Amino acid sequence: MSNPMMYVATMAIVTYLIRVLPLTLFNKPITNIYVQSFLYYVPYVTLAVMSFPTILYETNTQLAGFAALIVGIVLAWKDKSLFQVSIACCLVVLAAECII
């Protein structure tokens, strides 16, 4: 912790390298179907990994978060819009926290 600017510079370099290396290493389109499949699901997995703990732990009770998670999964499975799913989940959390 002696030099915070060194930490900031290191993080800037690491972040820059992560974004620039794929551009410089892969000049041709990726034709491997397994790599394409893997890269296709990366954004969805990243969103799920960031969202899942928040759903369960940001409510007053984990039971309310779990109920909202189940409702969200069911509504998403039935092809409801993101707005409808989020409103329904918020209402489930509100109702569950008023009851519990």
PDB file of N, CA and C in Angstrom:
ATOM      1  N   MET A   1       0.824  -1.199   0.000  1.00  0.00           N
ATOM      2  CA  MET A   1       0.000   0.000   0.000  1.00  0.00           C
ATOM      3  C   MET A   1       0.863   1.255   0.000  1.00  0.00           C
ATOM      4  N   SER A   2       2.103   1.115  -0.320  1.00  0.00           N
ATOM      5  CA  SER A   2       2.984   2.268  -0.279  1.00  0.00           C
ATOM      6  C   SER A   2       2.752   3.212  -1.452  1.00  0.00           C
ATOM      7  N   ASN A   3       2.389   2.680  -2.616  1.00  0.00           N
ATOM      8  CA  ASN A   3       2.209   3.537  -3.777  1.00  0.00           C
ATOM      9  C   ASN A   3       0.923   3.146  -4.513  1.00  0.00           C
ATOM     10  N   PRO A   4      -0.177   3.842  -4.233  1.00  0.00           N
ATOM     11  CA  PRO A   4      -1.442   3.488  -4.876  1.00  0.00           C
ATOM     12  C   PRO A   4      -1.417   3.671  -6.393  1.00  0.00           C
ATOM     13  N   MET A   5      -0.609   4.599  -6.890  1.00  0.00           N
ATOM     14  CA  MET A   5      -0.547   4.808  -8.336  1.00  0.00           C
ATOM     15  C   MET A   5       0.052   3.597  -9.049  1.00  0.00           C
ATOM     16  N   MET A   6       0.909   2.863  -8.372  1.00  0.00           N
ATOM     17  CA  MET A   6       1.469   1.648  -8.958  1.00  0.00           C
ATOM     18  C   MET A   6       0.374   0.605  -9.153  1.00  0.00           C
ATOM     19  N   TYR A   7      -0.541   0.488  -8.181  1.00  0.00           N
ATOM     20  CA  TYR A   7      -1.658  -0.434  -8.302  1.00  0.00           C
ATOM     21  C   TYR A   7      -2.596  -0.019  -9.437  1.00  0.00           C
ATOM     22  N   VAL A   8      -2.859   1.259  -9.552  1.00  0.00           N
ATOM     23  CA  VAL A   8      -3.731   1.764 -10.611  1.00  0.00           C
ATOM     24  C   VAL A   8      -3.094   1.510 -11.975  1.00  0.00           C
ATOM     25  N   ALA A   9      -1.806   1.751 -12.099  1.00  0.00           N
ATOM     26  CA  ALA A   9      -1.111   1.511 -13.368  1.00  0.00           C
ATOM     27  C   ALA A   9      -1.112   0.025 -13.726  1.00  0.00           C
ATOM     28  N   THR A  10      -0.894  -0.825 -12.739  1.00  0.00           N
ATOM     29  CA  THR A  10      -0.905  -2.270 -12.993  1.00  0.00           C
ATOM     30  C   THR A  10      -2.274  -2.720 -13.475  1.00  0.00           C
ATOM     31  N   MET A  11      -3.330  -2.259 -12.835  1.00  0.00           N
ATOM     32  CA  MET A  11      -4.677  -2.632 -13.251  1.00  0.00           C
ATOM     33  C   MET A  11      -4.999  -2.084 -14.641  1.00  0.00           C
ATOM     34  N   ALA A  12      -4.518  -0.890 -14.958  1.00  0.00           N
ATOM     35  CA  ALA A  12      -4.754  -0.327 -16.286  1.00  0.00           C
ATOM     36  C   ALA A  12      -4.069  -1.177 -17.353  1.00  0.00           C
ATOM     37  N   ILE A  13      -2.862  -1.604 -17.090  1.00  0.00           N
ATOM     38  CA  ILE A  13      -2.126  -2.431 -18.055  1.00  0.00           C
ATOM     39  C   ILE A  13      -2.799  -3.792 -18.226  1.00  0.00           C
ATOM     40  N   VAL A  14      -3.184  -4.415 -17.116  1.00  0.00           N
ATOM     41  CA  VAL A  14      -3.837  -5.715 -17.193  1.00  0.00           C
ATOM     42  C   VAL A  14      -5.156  -5.615 -17.952  1.00  0.00           C
ATOM     43  N   THR A  15      -5.949  -4.601 -17.664  1.00  0.00           N
ATOM     44  CA  THR A  15      -7.221  -4.423 -18.350  1.00  0.00           C
ATOM     45  C   THR A  15      -7.008  -4.165 -19.833  1.00  0.00           C
ATOM     46  N   TYR A  16      -6.025  -3.370 -20.158  1.00  0.00           N
ATOM     47  CA  TYR A  16      -5.722  -3.074 -21.562  1.00  0.00           C
ATOM     48  C   TYR A  16      -5.277  -4.335 -22.293  1.00  0.00           C
ATOM     49  N   LEU A  17      -4.422  -5.135 -21.677  1.00  0.00           N
ATOM     50  CA  LEU A  17      -3.927  -6.352 -22.316  1.00  0.00           C
ATOM     51  C   LEU A  17      -5.045  -7.359 -22.563  1.00  0.00           C
ATOM     52  N   ILE A  18      -5.963  -7.476 -21.618  1.00  0.00           N
ATOM     53  CA  ILE A  18      -7.074  -8.409 -21.788  1.00  0.00           C
ATOM     54  C   ILE A  18      -7.923  -8.033 -23.000  1.00  0.00           C
ATOM     55  N   ARG A  19      -8.029  -6.766 -23.293  1.00  0.00           N
ATOM     56  CA  ARG A  19      -8.864  -6.333 -24.409  1.00  0.00           C
ATOM     57  C   ARG A  19      -8.108  -6.277 -25.726  1.00  0.00           C
ATOM     58  N   VAL A  20      -6.808  -6.075 -25.678  1.00  0.00           N
ATOM     59  CA  VAL A  20      -6.043  -5.930 -26.911  1.00  0.00           C
ATOM     60  C   VAL A  20      -5.491  -7.257 -27.421  1.00  0.00           C
ATOM     61  N   LEU A  21      -5.118  -8.159 -26.536  1.00  0.00           N
ATOM     62  CA  LEU A  21      -4.521  -9.426 -26.973  1.00  0.00           C
ATOM     63  C   LEU A  21      -5.417 -10.230 -27.918  1.00  0.00           C
ATOM     64  N   PRO A  22      -6.704 -10.378 -27.644  1.00  0.00           N
ATOM     65  CA  PRO A  22      -7.515 -11.124 -28.622  1.00  0.00           C
ATOM     66  C   PRO A  22      -7.535 -10.473 -29.999  1.00  0.00           C
ATOM     67  N   LEU A  23      -7.502  -9.147 -30.053  1.00  0.00           N
ATOM     68  CA  LEU A  23      -7.495  -8.475 -31.349  1.00  0.00           C
ATOM     69  C   LEU A  23      -6.206  -8.729 -32.116  1.00  0.00           C
ATOM     70  N   THR A  24      -5.113  -8.844 -31.405  1.00  0.00           N
ATOM     71  CA  THR A  24      -3.828  -9.040 -32.077  1.00  0.00           C
ATOM     72  C   THR A  24      -3.529 -10.511 -32.356  1.00  0.00           C
ATOM     73  N   LEU A  25      -4.042 -11.417 -31.539  1.00  0.00           N
ATOM     74  CA  LEU A  25      -3.724 -12.834 -31.712  1.00  0.00           C
ATOM     75  C   LEU A  25      -4.626 -13.529 -32.723  1.00  0.00           C
ATOM     76  N   PHE A  26      -5.871 -13.104 -32.824  1.00  0.00           N
ATOM     77  CA  PHE A  26      -6.816 -13.761 -33.720  1.00  0.00           C
ATOM     78  C   PHE A  26      -7.107 -12.864 -34.907  1.00  0.00           C
ATOM     79  N   ASN A  27      -6.391 -13.101 -36.002  1.00  0.00           N
ATOM     80  CA  ASN A  27      -6.587 -12.294 -37.201  1.00  0.00           C
ATOM     81  C   ASN A  27      -7.692 -12.852 -38.086  1.00  0.00           C
ATOM     82  N   LYS A  28      -7.874 -14.168 -38.054  1.00  0.00           N
ATOM     83  CA  LYS A  28      -8.888 -14.808 -38.885  1.00  0.00           C
ATOM     84  C   LYS A  28     -10.135 -15.087 -38.039  1.00  0.00           C
ATOM     85  N   PRO A  29     -11.274 -15.249 -38.690  1.00  0.00           N
ATOM     86  CA  PRO A  29     -12.477 -15.632 -37.937  1.00  0.00           C
ATOM     87  C   PRO A  29     -12.297 -17.007 -37.282  1.00  0.00           C
ATOM     88  N   ILE A  30     -12.906 -17.189 -36.138  1.00  0.00           N
ATOM     89  CA  ILE A  30     -12.817 -18.455 -35.419  1.00  0.00           C
ATOM     90  C   ILE A  30     -13.792 -19.430 -36.066  1.00  0.00           C
ATOM     91  N   THR A  31     -13.271 -20.562 -36.537  1.00  0.00           N
ATOM     92  CA  THR A  31     -14.111 -21.537 -37.237  1.00  0.00           C
ATOM     93  C   THR A  31     -14.421 -22.764 -36.390  1.00  0.00           C
ATOM     94  N   ASN A  32     -13.727 -22.950 -35.302  1.00  0.00           N
ATOM     95  CA  ASN A  32     -13.960 -24.101 -34.443  1.00  0.00           C
ATOM     96  C   ASN A  32     -15.322 -23.939 -33.761  1.00  0.00           C
ATOM     97  N   ILE A  33     -16.203 -24.931 -33.937  1.00  0.00           N
ATOM     98  CA  ILE A  33     -17.562 -24.794 -33.402  1.00  0.00           C
ATOM     99  C   ILE A  33     -17.584 -24.840 -31.878  1.00  0.00           C
ATOM    100  N   TYR A  34     -16.631 -25.527 -31.275  1.00  0.00           N
ATOM    101  CA  TYR A  34     -16.597 -25.598 -29.814  1.00  0.00           C
ATOM    102  C   TYR A  34     -16.169 -24.262 -29.211  1.00  0.00           C
ATOM    103  N   VAL A  35     -15.201 -23.632 -29.813  1.00  0.00           N
ATOM    104  CA  VAL A  35     -14.759 -22.316 -29.331  1.00  0.00           C
ATOM    105  C   VAL A  35     -15.857 -21.286 -29.566  1.00  0.00           C
ATOM    106  N   GLN A  36     -16.513 -21.355 -30.722  1.00  0.00           N
ATOM    107  CA  GLN A  36     -17.617 -20.432 -30.995  1.00  0.00           C
ATOM    108  C   GLN A  36     -18.750 -20.618 -29.990  1.00  0.00           C
ATOM    109  N   SER A  37     -19.064 -21.857 -29.680  1.00  0.00           N
ATOM    110  CA  SER A  37     -20.109 -22.140 -28.702  1.00  0.00           C
ATOM    111  C   SER A  37     -19.731 -21.604 -27.328  1.00  0.00           C
ATOM    112  N   PHE A  38     -18.477 -21.821 -26.945  1.00  0.00           N
ATOM    113  CA  PHE A  38     -18.003 -21.313 -25.659  1.00  0.00           C
ATOM    114  C   PHE A  38     -18.109 -19.795 -25.610  1.00  0.00           C
ATOM    115  N   LEU A  39     -17.645 -19.117 -26.628  1.00  0.00           N
ATOM    116  CA  LEU A  39     -17.668 -17.655 -26.651  1.00  0.00           C
ATOM    117  C   LEU A  39     -19.088 -17.107 -26.727  1.00  0.00           C
ATOM    118  N   TYR A  40     -19.999 -17.858 -27.319  1.00  0.00           N
ATOM    119  CA  TYR A  40     -21.387 -17.421 -27.414  1.00  0.00           C
ATOM    120  C   TYR A  40     -22.023 -17.302 -26.029  1.00  0.00           C
ATOM    121  N   TYR A  41     -21.701 -18.229 -25.126  1.00  0.00           N
ATOM    122  CA  TYR A  41     -22.339 -18.261 -23.808  1.00  0.00           C
ATOM    123  C   TYR A  41     -21.608 -17.446 -22.737  1.00  0.00           C
ATOM    124  N   VAL A  42     -20.460 -16.907 -23.026  1.00  0.00           N
ATOM    125  CA  VAL A  42     -19.697 -16.151 -22.022  1.00  0.00           C
ATOM    126  C   VAL A  42     -20.484 -14.976 -21.453  1.00  0.00           C
ATOM    127  N   PRO A  43     -21.141 -14.132 -22.253  1.00  0.00           N
ATOM    128  CA  PRO A  43     -21.890 -13.016 -21.652  1.00  0.00           C
ATOM    129  C   PRO A  43     -23.010 -13.465 -20.733  1.00  0.00           C
ATOM    130  N   TYR A  44     -23.710 -14.540 -21.097  1.00  0.00           N
ATOM    131  CA  TYR A  44     -24.817 -15.024 -20.275  1.00  0.00           C
ATOM    132  C   TYR A  44     -24.318 -15.585 -18.944  1.00  0.00           C
ATOM    133  N   VAL A  45     -23.236 -16.320 -19.006  1.00  0.00           N
ATOM    134  CA  VAL A  45     -22.674 -16.892 -17.778  1.00  0.00           C
ATOM    135  C   VAL A  45     -22.154 -15.787 -16.867  1.00  0.00           C
ATOM    136  N   THR A  46     -21.512 -14.791 -17.451  1.00  0.00           N
ATOM    137  CA  THR A  46     -20.991 -13.682 -16.653  1.00  0.00           C
ATOM    138  C   THR A  46     -22.127 -12.933 -15.961  1.00  0.00           C
ATOM    139  N   LEU A  47     -23.196 -12.683 -16.674  1.00  0.00           N
ATOM    140  CA  LEU A  47     -24.348 -12.011 -16.077  1.00  0.00           C
ATOM    141  C   LEU A  47     -24.956 -12.845 -14.962  1.00  0.00           C
ATOM    142  N   ALA A  48     -25.057 -14.145 -15.181  1.00  0.00           N
ATOM    143  CA  ALA A  48     -25.630 -15.022 -14.159  1.00  0.00           C
ATOM    144  C   ALA A  48     -24.753 -15.066 -12.916  1.00  0.00           C
ATOM    145  N   VAL A  49     -23.455 -15.135 -13.106  1.00  0.00           N
ATOM    146  CA  VAL A  49     -22.536 -15.205 -11.963  1.00  0.00           C
ATOM    147  C   VAL A  49     -22.584 -13.913 -11.152  1.00  0.00           C
ATOM    148  N   MET A  50     -22.761 -12.785 -11.817  1.00  0.00           N
ATOM    149  CA  MET A  50     -22.839 -11.520 -11.086  1.00  0.00           C
ATOM    150  C   MET A  50     -24.202 -11.326 -10.425  1.00  0.00           C
ATOM    151  N   SER A  51     -25.263 -11.852 -11.036  1.00  0.00           N
ATOM    152  CA  SER A  51     -26.618 -11.603 -10.540  1.00  0.00           C
ATOM    153  C   SER A  51     -27.060 -12.569  -9.456  1.00  0.00           C
ATOM    154  N   PHE A  52     -26.675 -13.824  -9.561  1.00  0.00           N
ATOM    155  CA  PHE A  52     -27.215 -14.849  -8.669  1.00  0.00           C
ATOM    156  C   PHE A  52     -26.989 -14.558  -7.190  1.00  0.00           C
ATOM    157  N   PRO A  53     -25.771 -14.238  -6.737  1.00  0.00           N
ATOM    158  CA  PRO A  53     -25.608 -13.952  -5.304  1.00  0.00           C
ATOM    159  C   PRO A  53     -26.399 -12.720  -4.851  1.00  0.00           C
ATOM    160  N   THR A  54     -26.508 -11.747  -5.716  1.00  0.00           N
ATOM    161  CA  THR A  54     -27.239 -10.536  -5.369  1.00  0.00           C
ATOM    162  C   THR A  54     -28.716 -10.832  -5.158  1.00  0.00           C
ATOM    163  N   ILE A  55     -29.276 -11.702  -5.991  1.00  0.00           N
ATOM    164  CA  ILE A  55     -30.690 -12.045  -5.858  1.00  0.00           C
ATOM    165  C   ILE A  55     -30.976 -12.632  -4.485  1.00  0.00           C
ATOM    166  N   LEU A  56     -30.097 -13.480  -4.012  1.00  0.00           N
ATOM    167  CA  LEU A  56     -30.351 -14.163  -2.742  1.00  0.00           C
ATOM    168  C   LEU A  56     -30.005 -13.330  -1.512  1.00  0.00           C
ATOM    169  N   TYR A  57     -28.973 -12.506  -1.602  1.00  0.00           N
ATOM    170  CA  TYR A  57     -28.454 -11.869  -0.390  1.00  0.00           C
ATOM    171  C   TYR A  57     -28.823 -10.398  -0.223  1.00  0.00           C
ATOM    172  N   GLU A  58     -29.438  -9.766  -1.200  1.00  0.00           N
ATOM    173  CA  GLU A  58     -29.769  -8.344  -1.057  1.00  0.00           C
ATOM    174  C   GLU A  58     -31.151  -8.112  -0.473  1.00  0.00           C
ATOM    175  N   THR A  59     -31.888  -9.154  -0.220  1.00  0.00           N
ATOM    176  CA  THR A  59     -33.192  -9.006   0.418  1.00  0.00           C
ATOM    177  C   THR A  59     -33.019  -9.169   1.925  1.00  0.00           C
ATOM    178  N   ASN A  60     -34.065  -8.823   2.674  1.00  0.00           N
ATOM    179  CA  ASN A  60     -33.975  -8.960   4.125  1.00  0.00           C
ATOM    180  C   ASN A  60     -33.919 -10.422   4.543  1.00  0.00           C
ATOM    181  N   THR A  61     -34.603 -11.271   3.796  1.00  0.00           N
ATOM    182  CA  THR A  61     -34.559 -12.708   4.076  1.00  0.00           C
ATOM    183  C   THR A  61     -34.183 -13.440   2.794  1.00  0.00           C
ATOM    184  N   GLN A  62     -33.419 -14.500   2.939  1.00  0.00           N
ATOM    185  CA  GLN A  62     -33.018 -15.269   1.763  1.00  0.00           C
ATOM    186  C   GLN A  62     -34.213 -15.980   1.140  1.00  0.00           C
ATOM    187  N   LEU A  63     -35.224 -16.254   1.930  1.00  0.00           N
ATOM    188  CA  LEU A  63     -36.418 -16.915   1.406  1.00  0.00           C
ATOM    189  C   LEU A  63     -37.124 -16.031   0.378  1.00  0.00           C
ATOM    190  N   ALA A  64     -37.177 -14.745   0.621  1.00  0.00           N
ATOM    191  CA  ALA A  64     -37.793 -13.823  -0.334  1.00  0.00           C
ATOM    192  C   ALA A  64     -36.990 -13.782  -1.631  1.00  0.00           C
ATOM    193  N   GLY A  65     -35.681 -13.757  -1.516  1.00  0.00           N
ATOM    194  CA  GLY A  65     -34.838 -13.783  -2.700  1.00  0.00           C
ATOM    195  C   GLY A  65     -34.976 -15.079  -3.476  1.00  0.00           C
ATOM    196  N   PHE A  66     -35.080 -16.191  -2.763  1.00  0.00           N
ATOM    197  CA  PHE A  66     -35.239 -17.483  -3.421  1.00  0.00           C
ATOM    198  C   PHE A  66     -36.587 -17.574  -4.132  1.00  0.00           C
ATOM    199  N   ALA A  67     -37.644 -17.045  -3.514  1.00  0.00           N
ATOM    200  CA  ALA A  67     -38.964 -17.037  -4.152  1.00  0.00           C
ATOM    201  C   ALA A  67     -38.939 -16.205  -5.433  1.00  0.00           C
ATOM    202  N   ALA A  68     -38.277 -15.051  -5.380  1.00  0.00           N
ATOM    203  CA  ALA A  68     -38.168 -14.204  -6.570  1.00  0.00           C
ATOM    204  C   ALA A  68     -37.346 -14.903  -7.653  1.00  0.00           C
ATOM    205  N   LEU A  69     -36.321 -15.617  -7.250  1.00  0.00           N
ATOM    206  CA  LEU A  69     -35.508 -16.358  -8.215  1.00  0.00           C
ATOM    207  C   LEU A  69     -36.339 -17.410  -8.934  1.00  0.00           C
ATOM    208  N   ILE A  70     -37.136 -18.148  -8.197  1.00  0.00           N
ATOM    209  CA  ILE A  70     -37.982 -19.181  -8.794  1.00  0.00           C
ATOM    210  C   ILE A  70     -39.006 -18.555  -9.746  1.00  0.00           C
ATOM    211  N   VAL A  71     -39.654 -17.475  -9.313  1.00  0.00           N
ATOM    212  CA  VAL A  71     -40.622 -16.795 -10.172  1.00  0.00           C
ATOM    213  C   VAL A  71     -39.940 -16.256 -11.430  1.00  0.00           C
ATOM    214  N   GLY A  72     -38.758 -15.698 -11.273  1.00  0.00           N
ATOM    215  CA  GLY A  72     -38.024 -15.180 -12.424  1.00  0.00           C
ATOM    216  C   GLY A  72     -37.653 -16.265 -13.415  1.00  0.00           C
ATOM    217  N   ILE A  73     -37.238 -17.412 -12.918  1.00  0.00           N
ATOM    218  CA  ILE A  73     -36.882 -18.527 -13.802  1.00  0.00           C
ATOM    219  C   ILE A  73     -38.114 -19.023 -14.562  1.00  0.00           C
ATOM    220  N   VAL A  74     -39.226 -19.159 -13.849  1.00  0.00           N
ATOM    221  CA  VAL A  74     -40.455 -19.650 -14.492  1.00  0.00           C
ATOM    222  C   VAL A  74     -40.930 -18.670 -15.564  1.00  0.00           C
ATOM    223  N   LEU A  75     -40.952 -17.378 -15.248  1.00  0.00           N
ATOM    224  CA  LEU A  75     -41.414 -16.396 -16.228  1.00  0.00           C
ATOM    225  C   LEU A  75     -40.467 -16.290 -17.420  1.00  0.00           C
ATOM    226  N   ALA A  76     -39.177 -16.364 -17.173  1.00  0.00           N
ATOM    227  CA  ALA A  76     -38.219 -16.332 -18.279  1.00  0.00           C
ATOM    228  C   ALA A  76     -38.371 -17.575 -19.147  1.00  0.00           C
ATOM    229  N   TRP A  77     -38.656 -18.712 -18.521  1.00  0.00           N
ATOM    230  CA  TRP A  77     -38.860 -19.958 -19.260  1.00  0.00           C
ATOM    231  C   TRP A  77     -40.082 -19.852 -20.179  1.00  0.00           C
ATOM    232  N   LYS A  78     -41.077 -19.063 -19.735  1.00  0.00           N
ATOM    233  CA  LYS A  78     -42.296 -18.876 -20.536  1.00  0.00           C
ATOM    234  C   LYS A  78     -42.155 -17.709 -21.511  1.00  0.00           C
ATOM    235  N   ASP A  79     -40.940 -17.261 -21.760  1.00  0.00           N
ATOM    236  CA  ASP A  79     -40.623 -16.217 -22.744  1.00  0.00           C
ATOM    237  C   ASP A  79     -41.264 -14.867 -22.452  1.00  0.00           C
ATOM    238  N   LYS A  80     -41.355 -14.500 -21.180  1.00  0.00           N
ATOM    239  CA  LYS A  80     -41.822 -13.164 -20.819  1.00  0.00           C
ATOM    240  C   LYS A  80     -40.670 -12.178 -21.015  1.00  0.00           C
ATOM    241  N   SER A  81     -40.999 -10.912 -21.167  1.00  0.00           N
ATOM    242  CA  SER A  81     -39.965  -9.906 -21.390  1.00  0.00           C
ATOM    243  C   SER A  81     -39.187  -9.642 -20.105  1.00  0.00           C
ATOM    244  N   LEU A  82     -38.029  -9.058 -20.262  1.00  0.00           N
ATOM    245  CA  LEU A  82     -37.182  -8.754 -19.108  1.00  0.00           C
ATOM    246  C   LEU A  82     -37.896  -7.806 -18.151  1.00  0.00           C
ATOM    247  N   PHE A  83     -38.636  -6.859 -18.692  1.00  0.00           N
ATOM    248  CA  PHE A  83     -39.372  -5.920 -17.851  1.00  0.00           C
ATOM    249  C   PHE A  83     -40.433  -6.640 -17.023  1.00  0.00           C
ATOM    250  N   GLN A  84     -41.173  -7.536 -17.643  1.00  0.00           N
ATOM    251  CA  GLN A  84     -42.208  -8.279 -16.925  1.00  0.00           C
ATOM    252  C   GLN A  84     -41.599  -9.160 -15.840  1.00  0.00           C
ATOM    253  N   VAL A  85     -40.488  -9.803 -16.149  1.00  0.00           N
ATOM    254  CA  VAL A  85     -39.828 -10.675 -15.176  1.00  0.00           C
ATOM    255  C   VAL A  85     -39.317  -9.858 -13.990  1.00  0.00           C
ATOM    256  N   SER A  86     -38.696  -8.725 -14.268  1.00  0.00           N
ATOM    257  CA  SER A  86     -38.144  -7.924 -13.173  1.00  0.00           C
ATOM    258  C   SER A  86     -39.248  -7.333 -12.292  1.00  0.00           C
ATOM    259  N   ILE A  87     -40.342  -6.877 -12.889  1.00  0.00           N
ATOM    260  CA  ILE A  87     -41.451  -6.349 -12.099  1.00  0.00           C
ATOM    261  C   ILE A  87     -42.057  -7.449 -11.234  1.00  0.00           C
ATOM    262  N   ALA A  88     -42.254  -8.622 -11.812  1.00  0.00           N
ATOM    263  CA  ALA A  88     -42.825  -9.732 -11.049  1.00  0.00           C
ATOM    264  C   ALA A  88     -41.908 -10.130  -9.898  1.00  0.00           C
ATOM    265  N   CYS A  89     -40.618 -10.170 -10.135  1.00  0.00           N
ATOM    266  CA  CYS A  89     -39.671 -10.533  -9.069  1.00  0.00           C
ATOM    267  C   CYS A  89     -39.676  -9.491  -7.952  1.00  0.00           C
ATOM    268  N   CYS A  90     -39.747  -8.225  -8.322  1.00  0.00           N
ATOM    269  CA  CYS A  90     -39.803  -7.172  -7.297  1.00  0.00           C
ATOM    270  C   CYS A  90     -41.068  -7.288  -6.471  1.00  0.00           C
ATOM    271  N   LEU A  91     -42.188  -7.585  -7.117  1.00  0.00           N
ATOM    272  CA  LEU A  91     -43.447  -7.742  -6.386  1.00  0.00           C
ATOM    273  C   LEU A  91     -43.420  -8.969  -5.482  1.00  0.00           C
ATOM    274  N   VAL A  92     -42.772 -10.033  -5.930  1.00  0.00           N
ATOM    275  CA  VAL A  92     -42.659 -11.240  -5.097  1.00  0.00           C
ATOM    276  C   VAL A  92     -41.823 -10.943  -3.869  1.00  0.00           C
ATOM    277  N   VAL A  93     -40.720 -10.226  -4.035  1.00  0.00           N
ATOM    278  CA  VAL A  93     -39.883  -9.875  -2.880  1.00  0.00           C
ATOM    279  C   VAL A  93     -40.652  -8.986  -1.924  1.00  0.00           C
ATOM    280  N   LEU A  94     -41.368  -7.994  -2.444  1.00  0.00           N
ATOM    281  CA  LEU A  94     -42.153  -7.101  -1.590  1.00  0.00           C
ATOM    282  C   LEU A  94     -43.206  -7.877  -0.808  1.00  0.00           C
ATOM    283  N   ALA A  95     -43.929  -8.748  -1.490  1.00  0.00           N
ATOM    284  CA  ALA A  95     -44.969  -9.533  -0.819  1.00  0.00           C
ATOM    285  C   ALA A  95     -44.363 -10.498   0.198  1.00  0.00           C
ATOM    286  N   ALA A  96     -43.273 -11.149  -0.172  1.00  0.00           N
ATOM    287  CA  ALA A  96     -42.655 -12.118   0.744  1.00  0.00           C
ATOM    288  C   ALA A  96     -42.100 -11.434   1.985  1.00  0.00           C
ATOM    289  N   GLU A  97     -41.525 -10.254   1.832  1.00  0.00           N
ATOM    290  CA  GLU A  97     -40.979  -9.564   2.993  1.00  0.00           C
ATOM    291  C   GLU A  97     -42.076  -8.988   3.871  1.00  0.00           C
ATOM    292  N   CYS A  98     -43.224  -8.652   3.293  1.00  0.00           N
ATOM    293  CA  CYS A  98     -44.358  -8.202   4.127  1.00  0.00           C
ATOM    294  C   CYS A  98     -44.965  -9.361   4.900  1.00  0.00           C
ATOM    295  N   ILE A  99     -44.965 -10.545   4.303  1.00  0.00           N
ATOM    296  CA  ILE A  99     -45.543 -11.717   4.959  1.00  0.00           C
ATOM    297  C   ILE A  99     -44.585 -12.279   5.997  1.00  0.00           C
ATOM    298  N   ILE A 100     -43.339 -12.375   5.655  1.00  0.00           N
ATOM    299  CA  ILE A 100     -42.356 -13.014   6.557  1.00  0.00           C
ATOM    300  C   ILE A 100     -41.909 -12.080   7.590  1.00  0.00           C
TER     301      ILE A 100
END
